[in-house]
Amino acid sequence: MGESIDGRRAIITSIRDVEQYHWELAESELRRQVFSNSSHLSLAAAVELACIEHRFAGGDELSTAAVRLPACPIWQLIRTTKWPDHRNRTKLRNGSVVLIVLPTSADDAWWVQRLHELQRELGENGFGTNLARALTSAVAEMVDNVWLHSSADGPGLVAYQIRRRKLAFCVADLGVGVLSSLKRNPEHRHLASSMDALQKAIQPGVSSHADGNGLGFPSLLHALAELWGTTRLRSGEAAMIIDRTSEKRKKGYHYLPSLPGLHVAVKCSLDAPARPPQKSS
């Protein structure tokens, strides 16, 4: 975790630290205080930390956990919006980081305009017209998934960061999760775990509806197929990572404490990662 003082203090610096923090929080009856002066907490980690914090909100002792990340732009935006309790559609920016609290409908003209802005920003940062359109469509499909399948009481969240030839984005909701969503379809009632559901969800044509309105994951993966980066899906107790930071794409799975809804986190680049220097013999 980086540091622990009397089992009450944790310093968060990476997505892995957030995962470790979640384990400790789930297994402990003590209060937890999270603090970091680092600005290196990733977009994905900050959004997931907000989901974890909401997961433990309530009347128990864990609800008193204090999270302070003053140097993290995305965390400050999340705090400003008061997501997920604040329900008004919002777009905020802090430097290259953008946070959008979603409206309640895909037909909202305000949301359509946000997508046009995303596509334009991608074009301005080195992404070609077709690729910018494909990536924007992938984000839109993930958001459609929130409206069509999550059954969430509160709004979904979109966060993105665009730098020259690089994109990171997250889409998160606090709904029923992939397993419960897919099991609405009689064809998928045999699924027994969130891990089973995530593995099924990335297959073409898989849907929680008998009419075949898919979850959008194949479209997302297709849009990212030739980019260098990672895609991380998190729902229930399952996490799946598709890694394309090397010539050969890799897929990995691991288990974590249960988290409501679905969290999709993507990081990609037009440029291949620098290869480590060869050791001289």
Protein backbone atom coordinates (compact mmCIF):
# COMPACT_ATOMS: atom_id res chain seq x y z
CA MET A 1 0.00 0.00 0.00
CA GLY A 2 2.96 2.29 0.36
CA GLU A 3 2.43 3.08 4.08
CA SER A 4 0.21 1.94 6.90
CA ILE A 5 0.01 3.59 10.33
CA ASP A 6 -1.83 1.64 13.03
CA GLY A 7 -3.90 0.06 10.28
CA ARG A 8 -5.64 3.39 9.71
CA ARG A 9 -3.73 5.33 7.05
CA ALA A 10 -3.00 4.46 3.44
CA ILE A 11 -1.15 6.33 0.72
CA ILE A 12 -2.56 5.77 -2.76
CA THR A 13 -0.24 6.10 -5.76
CA SER A 14 -1.47 3.68 -8.44
CA ILE A 15 -4.33 1.48 -9.60
CA ARG A 16 -2.70 -1.46 -7.83
CA ASP A 17 -2.63 0.50 -4.57
CA VAL A 18 -6.34 1.22 -4.96
CA GLU A 19 -6.98 -2.50 -5.34
CA GLN A 20 -4.94 -3.28 -2.22
CA TYR A 21 -6.75 -0.54 -0.34
CA HIS A 22 -10.08 -2.09 -1.34
CA TRP A 23 -8.99 -5.46 0.04
CA GLU A 24 -7.96 -3.92 3.36
CA LEU A 25 -11.16 -1.89 3.58
CA ALA A 26 -13.31 -4.94 2.88
CA GLU A 27 -11.52 -7.06 5.49
CA SER A 28 -11.13 -4.52 8.29
CA GLU A 29 -13.44 -3.13 10.95
CA LEU A 30 -11.20 -0.09 11.45
CA ARG A 31 -11.60 3.32 9.93
CA ARG A 32 -9.39 4.13 6.99
CA GLN A 33 -7.81 7.41 6.05
CA VAL A 34 -6.46 7.82 2.54
CA PHE A 35 -4.07 10.61 1.75
CA SER A 36 -1.70 11.37 -1.08
CA ASN A 37 0.21 14.43 -2.22
CA SER A 38 1.03 12.65 -5.47
CA SER A 39 -0.51 13.76 -8.76
CA HIS A 40 0.32 10.37 -10.27
CA LEU A 41 -2.93 8.64 -9.38
CA SER A 42 -4.31 7.54 -12.73
CA LEU A 43 -7.64 8.51 -14.20
CA ALA A 44 -8.86 4.91 -13.78
CA ALA A 45 -7.66 4.66 -10.19
CA ALA A 46 -9.31 7.91 -9.12
CA VAL A 47 -12.67 6.89 -10.61
CA GLU A 48 -12.44 3.44 -9.06
CA LEU A 49 -11.57 4.95 -5.69
CA ALA A 50 -14.74 7.05 -5.91
CA CYS A 51 -16.75 3.86 -6.63
CA ILE A 52 -15.12 2.11 -3.67
CA GLU A 53 -15.85 5.04 -1.39
CA HIS A 54 -19.51 4.95 -2.44
CA ARG A 55 -19.59 1.17 -1.93
CA PHE A 56 -18.76 1.59 1.74
CA ALA A 57 -20.90 4.67 2.37
CA GLY A 58 -23.57 4.01 4.96
CA GLY A 59 -24.12 3.82 8.66
CA ASP A 60 -21.15 1.66 9.61
CA GLU A 61 -17.73 2.69 10.82
CA LEU A 62 -16.23 2.47 7.35
CA SER A 63 -18.35 5.38 6.19
CA THR A 64 -16.07 7.69 8.15
CA ALA A 65 -13.11 6.93 5.89
CA ALA A 66 -11.53 10.19 4.76
CA VAL A 67 -10.04 10.41 1.27
CA ARG A 68 -7.81 13.39 0.48
CA LEU A 69 -5.91 13.57 -2.79
CA PRO A 70 -5.23 17.31 -3.17
CA ALA A 71 -2.76 17.01 -6.03
CA CYS A 72 -4.89 14.74 -8.21
CA PRO A 73 -6.87 16.72 -10.85
CA ILE A 74 -9.48 14.02 -11.53
CA TRP A 75 -10.14 13.52 -7.81
CA GLN A 76 -10.73 17.24 -7.36
CA LEU A 77 -13.24 17.19 -10.22
CA ILE A 78 -15.07 14.21 -8.71
CA ARG A 79 -15.23 16.00 -5.39
CA THR A 80 -16.55 19.16 -7.05
CA THR A 81 -19.40 17.30 -8.81
CA LYS A 82 -20.29 15.32 -5.66
CA TRP A 83 -20.84 12.28 -7.87
CA PRO A 84 -22.77 9.99 -7.56
CA ASP A 85 -25.11 11.87 -5.24
CA HIS A 86 -25.39 14.97 -7.43
CA ARG A 87 -27.65 14.16 -10.40
CA ASN A 88 -27.35 17.20 -12.64
CA ARG A 89 -25.47 16.70 -15.90
CA THR A 90 -22.12 18.43 -15.66
CA LYS A 91 -18.91 18.88 -17.59
CA LEU A 92 -15.81 20.09 -15.74
CA ARG A 93 -12.20 20.43 -16.87
CA ASN A 94 -8.91 20.63 -15.01
CA GLY A 95 -6.09 20.97 -17.52
CA SER A 96 -6.25 17.97 -19.86
CA VAL A 97 -8.64 16.06 -17.57
CA VAL A 98 -12.37 16.21 -18.32
CA LEU A 99 -15.14 14.83 -16.11
CA ILE A 100 -18.73 14.41 -17.30
CA VAL A 101 -21.67 13.50 -15.08
CA LEU A 102 -24.07 11.91 -17.55
CA PRO A 103 -27.65 12.96 -18.25
CA THR A 104 -30.40 10.39 -17.89
CA SER A 105 -31.08 9.88 -21.59
CA ALA A 106 -29.11 9.03 -24.73
CA ASP A 107 -31.33 11.46 -26.64
CA ASP A 108 -30.02 14.42 -24.69
CA ALA A 109 -28.65 17.03 -27.13
CA TRP A 110 -26.22 18.20 -24.45
CA TRP A 111 -24.56 14.75 -24.43
CA VAL A 112 -24.38 14.64 -28.23
CA GLN A 113 -22.49 17.95 -28.12
CA ARG A 114 -20.03 16.50 -25.57
CA LEU A 115 -19.30 13.66 -28.00
CA HIS A 116 -18.63 16.14 -30.81
CA GLU A 117 -16.18 17.94 -28.50
CA LEU A 118 -14.41 14.68 -27.67
CA GLN A 119 -14.02 13.79 -31.35
CA ARG A 120 -12.71 17.24 -32.15
CA GLU A 121 -10.16 17.10 -29.31
CA LEU A 122 -8.91 13.73 -30.54
CA GLY A 123 -8.44 15.18 -34.02
CA GLU A 124 -6.54 18.14 -32.62
CA ASN A 125 -4.16 15.80 -30.79
CA GLY A 126 -2.96 13.66 -33.68
CA PHE A 127 -5.74 11.08 -34.03
CA GLY A 128 -6.87 10.75 -37.65
CA THR A 129 -10.46 11.45 -38.61
CA ASN A 130 -11.55 7.79 -38.84
CA LEU A 131 -9.81 6.77 -35.63
CA ALA A 132 -11.16 9.78 -33.73
CA ARG A 133 -14.65 8.84 -34.89
CA ALA A 134 -14.16 5.17 -33.92
CA LEU A 135 -12.88 6.02 -30.45
CA THR A 136 -15.69 8.49 -29.87
CA SER A 137 -18.18 5.81 -30.96
CA ALA A 138 -16.58 3.36 -28.51
CA VAL A 139 -17.07 5.83 -25.65
CA ALA A 140 -20.66 6.44 -26.80
CA GLU A 141 -21.39 2.69 -26.79
CA MET A 142 -20.04 2.32 -23.27
CA VAL A 143 -22.30 5.17 -22.17
CA ASP A 144 -25.27 3.62 -23.99
CA ASN A 145 -24.53 0.51 -21.95
CA VAL A 146 -25.07 2.55 -18.78
CA TRP A 147 -28.51 3.70 -19.93
CA LEU A 148 -29.63 0.38 -21.42
CA HIS A 149 -28.28 -2.20 -19.01
CA SER A 150 -27.12 -0.80 -15.65
CA SER A 151 -30.49 -0.05 -13.97
CA ALA A 152 -28.55 2.48 -11.89
CA ASP A 153 -30.42 4.85 -9.59
CA GLY A 154 -27.84 7.58 -10.03
CA PRO A 155 -26.01 9.00 -13.05
CA GLY A 156 -23.08 7.40 -14.79
CA LEU A 157 -19.69 9.05 -15.04
CA VAL A 158 -17.30 9.64 -17.93
CA ALA A 159 -13.74 10.86 -17.49
CA TYR A 160 -11.12 11.35 -20.15
CA GLN A 161 -7.67 12.79 -20.67
CA ILE A 162 -6.24 13.54 -24.10
CA ARG A 163 -2.60 14.32 -24.66
CA ARG A 164 -0.66 14.39 -27.91
CA ARG A 165 -1.33 11.01 -29.56
CA LYS A 166 -2.56 9.53 -26.24
CA LEU A 167 -6.01 8.91 -24.76
CA ALA A 168 -7.24 7.62 -21.41
CA PHE A 169 -10.92 7.34 -20.59
CA CYS A 170 -13.24 5.73 -18.05
CA VAL A 171 -16.96 5.04 -18.00
CA ALA A 172 -18.44 4.04 -14.64
CA ASP A 173 -21.87 3.34 -13.23
CA LEU A 174 -23.13 2.05 -9.88
CA GLY A 175 -25.88 -0.16 -11.26
CA VAL A 176 -26.60 -3.88 -11.05
CA GLY A 177 -23.37 -5.02 -12.72
CA VAL A 178 -22.69 -7.26 -15.69
CA LEU A 179 -23.76 -10.53 -14.05
CA SER A 180 -27.24 -9.38 -12.99
CA SER A 181 -27.68 -7.55 -16.27
CA LEU A 182 -26.88 -10.55 -18.46
CA LYS A 183 -28.99 -12.93 -16.37
CA ARG A 184 -32.09 -10.99 -17.36
CA ASN A 185 -31.74 -12.76 -20.68
CA PRO A 186 -32.83 -16.42 -20.32
CA GLU A 187 -29.96 -17.40 -22.59
CA HIS A 188 -27.47 -16.32 -19.93
CA ARG A 189 -29.20 -17.42 -16.72
CA HIS A 190 -26.62 -20.17 -16.27
CA LEU A 191 -23.87 -17.63 -15.51
CA ALA A 192 -22.68 -18.13 -11.95
CA SER A 193 -20.22 -15.31 -11.29
CA SER A 194 -19.16 -11.84 -12.36
CA MET A 195 -16.04 -13.39 -13.87
CA ASP A 196 -18.19 -15.67 -16.04
CA ALA A 197 -20.25 -12.66 -17.04
CA LEU A 198 -17.27 -10.48 -18.02
CA GLN A 199 -15.83 -13.27 -20.16
CA LYS A 200 -19.20 -13.68 -21.86
CA ALA A 201 -19.77 -9.93 -22.27
CA ILE A 202 -16.78 -9.39 -24.58
CA GLN A 203 -18.19 -11.83 -27.11
CA PRO A 204 -20.05 -10.41 -30.14
CA GLY A 205 -23.83 -10.24 -29.89
CA VAL A 206 -24.06 -10.91 -26.16
CA SER A 207 -26.85 -8.91 -24.55
CA SER A 208 -29.06 -8.66 -21.49
CA HIS A 209 -32.00 -8.27 -23.86
CA ALA A 210 -33.50 -11.01 -25.98
CA ASP A 211 -33.62 -8.55 -28.90
CA GLY A 212 -29.82 -8.57 -29.05
CA ASN A 213 -28.91 -5.01 -28.00
CA GLY A 214 -25.29 -5.84 -27.12
CA LEU A 215 -23.12 -4.45 -24.35
CA GLY A 216 -20.77 -2.76 -26.80
CA PHE A 217 -17.54 -4.42 -25.72
CA PRO A 218 -16.67 -5.96 -29.12
CA SER A 219 -16.96 -2.51 -30.71
CA LEU A 220 -14.71 -1.05 -28.03
CA LEU A 221 -12.08 -3.74 -28.45
CA HIS A 222 -12.21 -3.43 -32.23
CA ALA A 223 -11.60 0.33 -32.02
CA LEU A 224 -8.58 -0.27 -29.78
CA ALA A 225 -7.17 -3.27 -31.63
CA GLU A 226 -4.33 -1.44 -33.35
CA LEU A 227 -3.52 0.98 -30.53
CA TRP A 228 -0.93 0.49 -27.82
CA GLY A 229 -2.50 0.33 -24.38
CA THR A 230 -4.77 -1.49 -21.98
CA THR A 231 -8.49 -2.05 -21.44
CA ARG A 232 -9.70 -2.88 -17.94
CA LEU A 233 -13.22 -4.10 -17.14
CA ARG A 234 -14.37 -4.23 -13.53
CA SER A 235 -17.73 -5.52 -12.27
CA GLY A 236 -18.75 -7.34 -9.12
CA GLU A 237 -15.78 -9.29 -7.82
CA ALA A 238 -14.13 -9.62 -11.22
CA ALA A 239 -11.51 -7.61 -13.08
CA MET A 240 -10.31 -8.34 -16.59
CA ILE A 241 -7.36 -6.64 -18.29
CA ILE A 242 -6.59 -6.76 -22.00
CA ASP A 243 -3.00 -5.64 -22.52
CA ARG A 244 -1.77 -4.43 -25.91
CA THR A 245 1.43 -2.76 -24.75
CA SER A 246 3.54 -5.34 -26.55
CA GLU A 247 3.43 -7.04 -29.93
CA LYS A 248 1.29 -9.87 -28.56
CA ARG A 249 -2.05 -9.02 -26.96
CA LYS A 250 -2.51 -10.54 -23.51
CA LYS A 251 -5.62 -11.08 -21.42
CA GLY A 252 -5.62 -11.50 -17.65
CA TYR A 253 -8.21 -11.95 -14.91
CA HIS A 254 -8.20 -11.45 -11.16
CA TYR A 255 -10.62 -11.26 -8.25
CA LEU A 256 -11.25 -8.24 -6.01
CA PRO A 257 -13.80 -7.27 -3.36
CA SER A 258 -17.21 -6.76 -4.91
CA LEU A 259 -17.92 -3.39 -6.51
CA PRO A 260 -21.35 -2.32 -7.78
CA GLY A 261 -21.98 -1.56 -11.43
CA LEU A 262 -19.42 -1.57 -14.21
CA HIS A 263 -16.17 0.33 -14.57
CA VAL A 264 -14.48 0.44 -17.98
CA ALA A 265 -11.01 1.98 -18.10
CA VAL A 266 -8.98 2.41 -21.29
CA LYS A 267 -5.51 3.79 -21.89
CA CYS A 268 -4.08 3.88 -25.40
CA SER A 269 -1.46 5.54 -27.57
CA LEU A 270 -0.62 5.89 -31.24
CA ASP A 271 3.03 5.20 -30.43
CA ALA A 272 4.48 1.86 -29.39
CA PRO A 273 6.07 1.82 -25.92
CA ALA A 274 9.81 2.33 -25.88
CA ARG A 275 11.63 -0.99 -25.72
CA PRO A 276 13.98 -1.52 -22.80
CA PRO A 277 17.65 -1.34 -23.78
CA GLN A 278 19.25 -4.66 -24.70
CA LYS A 279 21.71 -5.97 -22.15
CA SER A 280 25.17 -6.28 -23.53
CA SER A 281 26.69 -9.73 -23.29
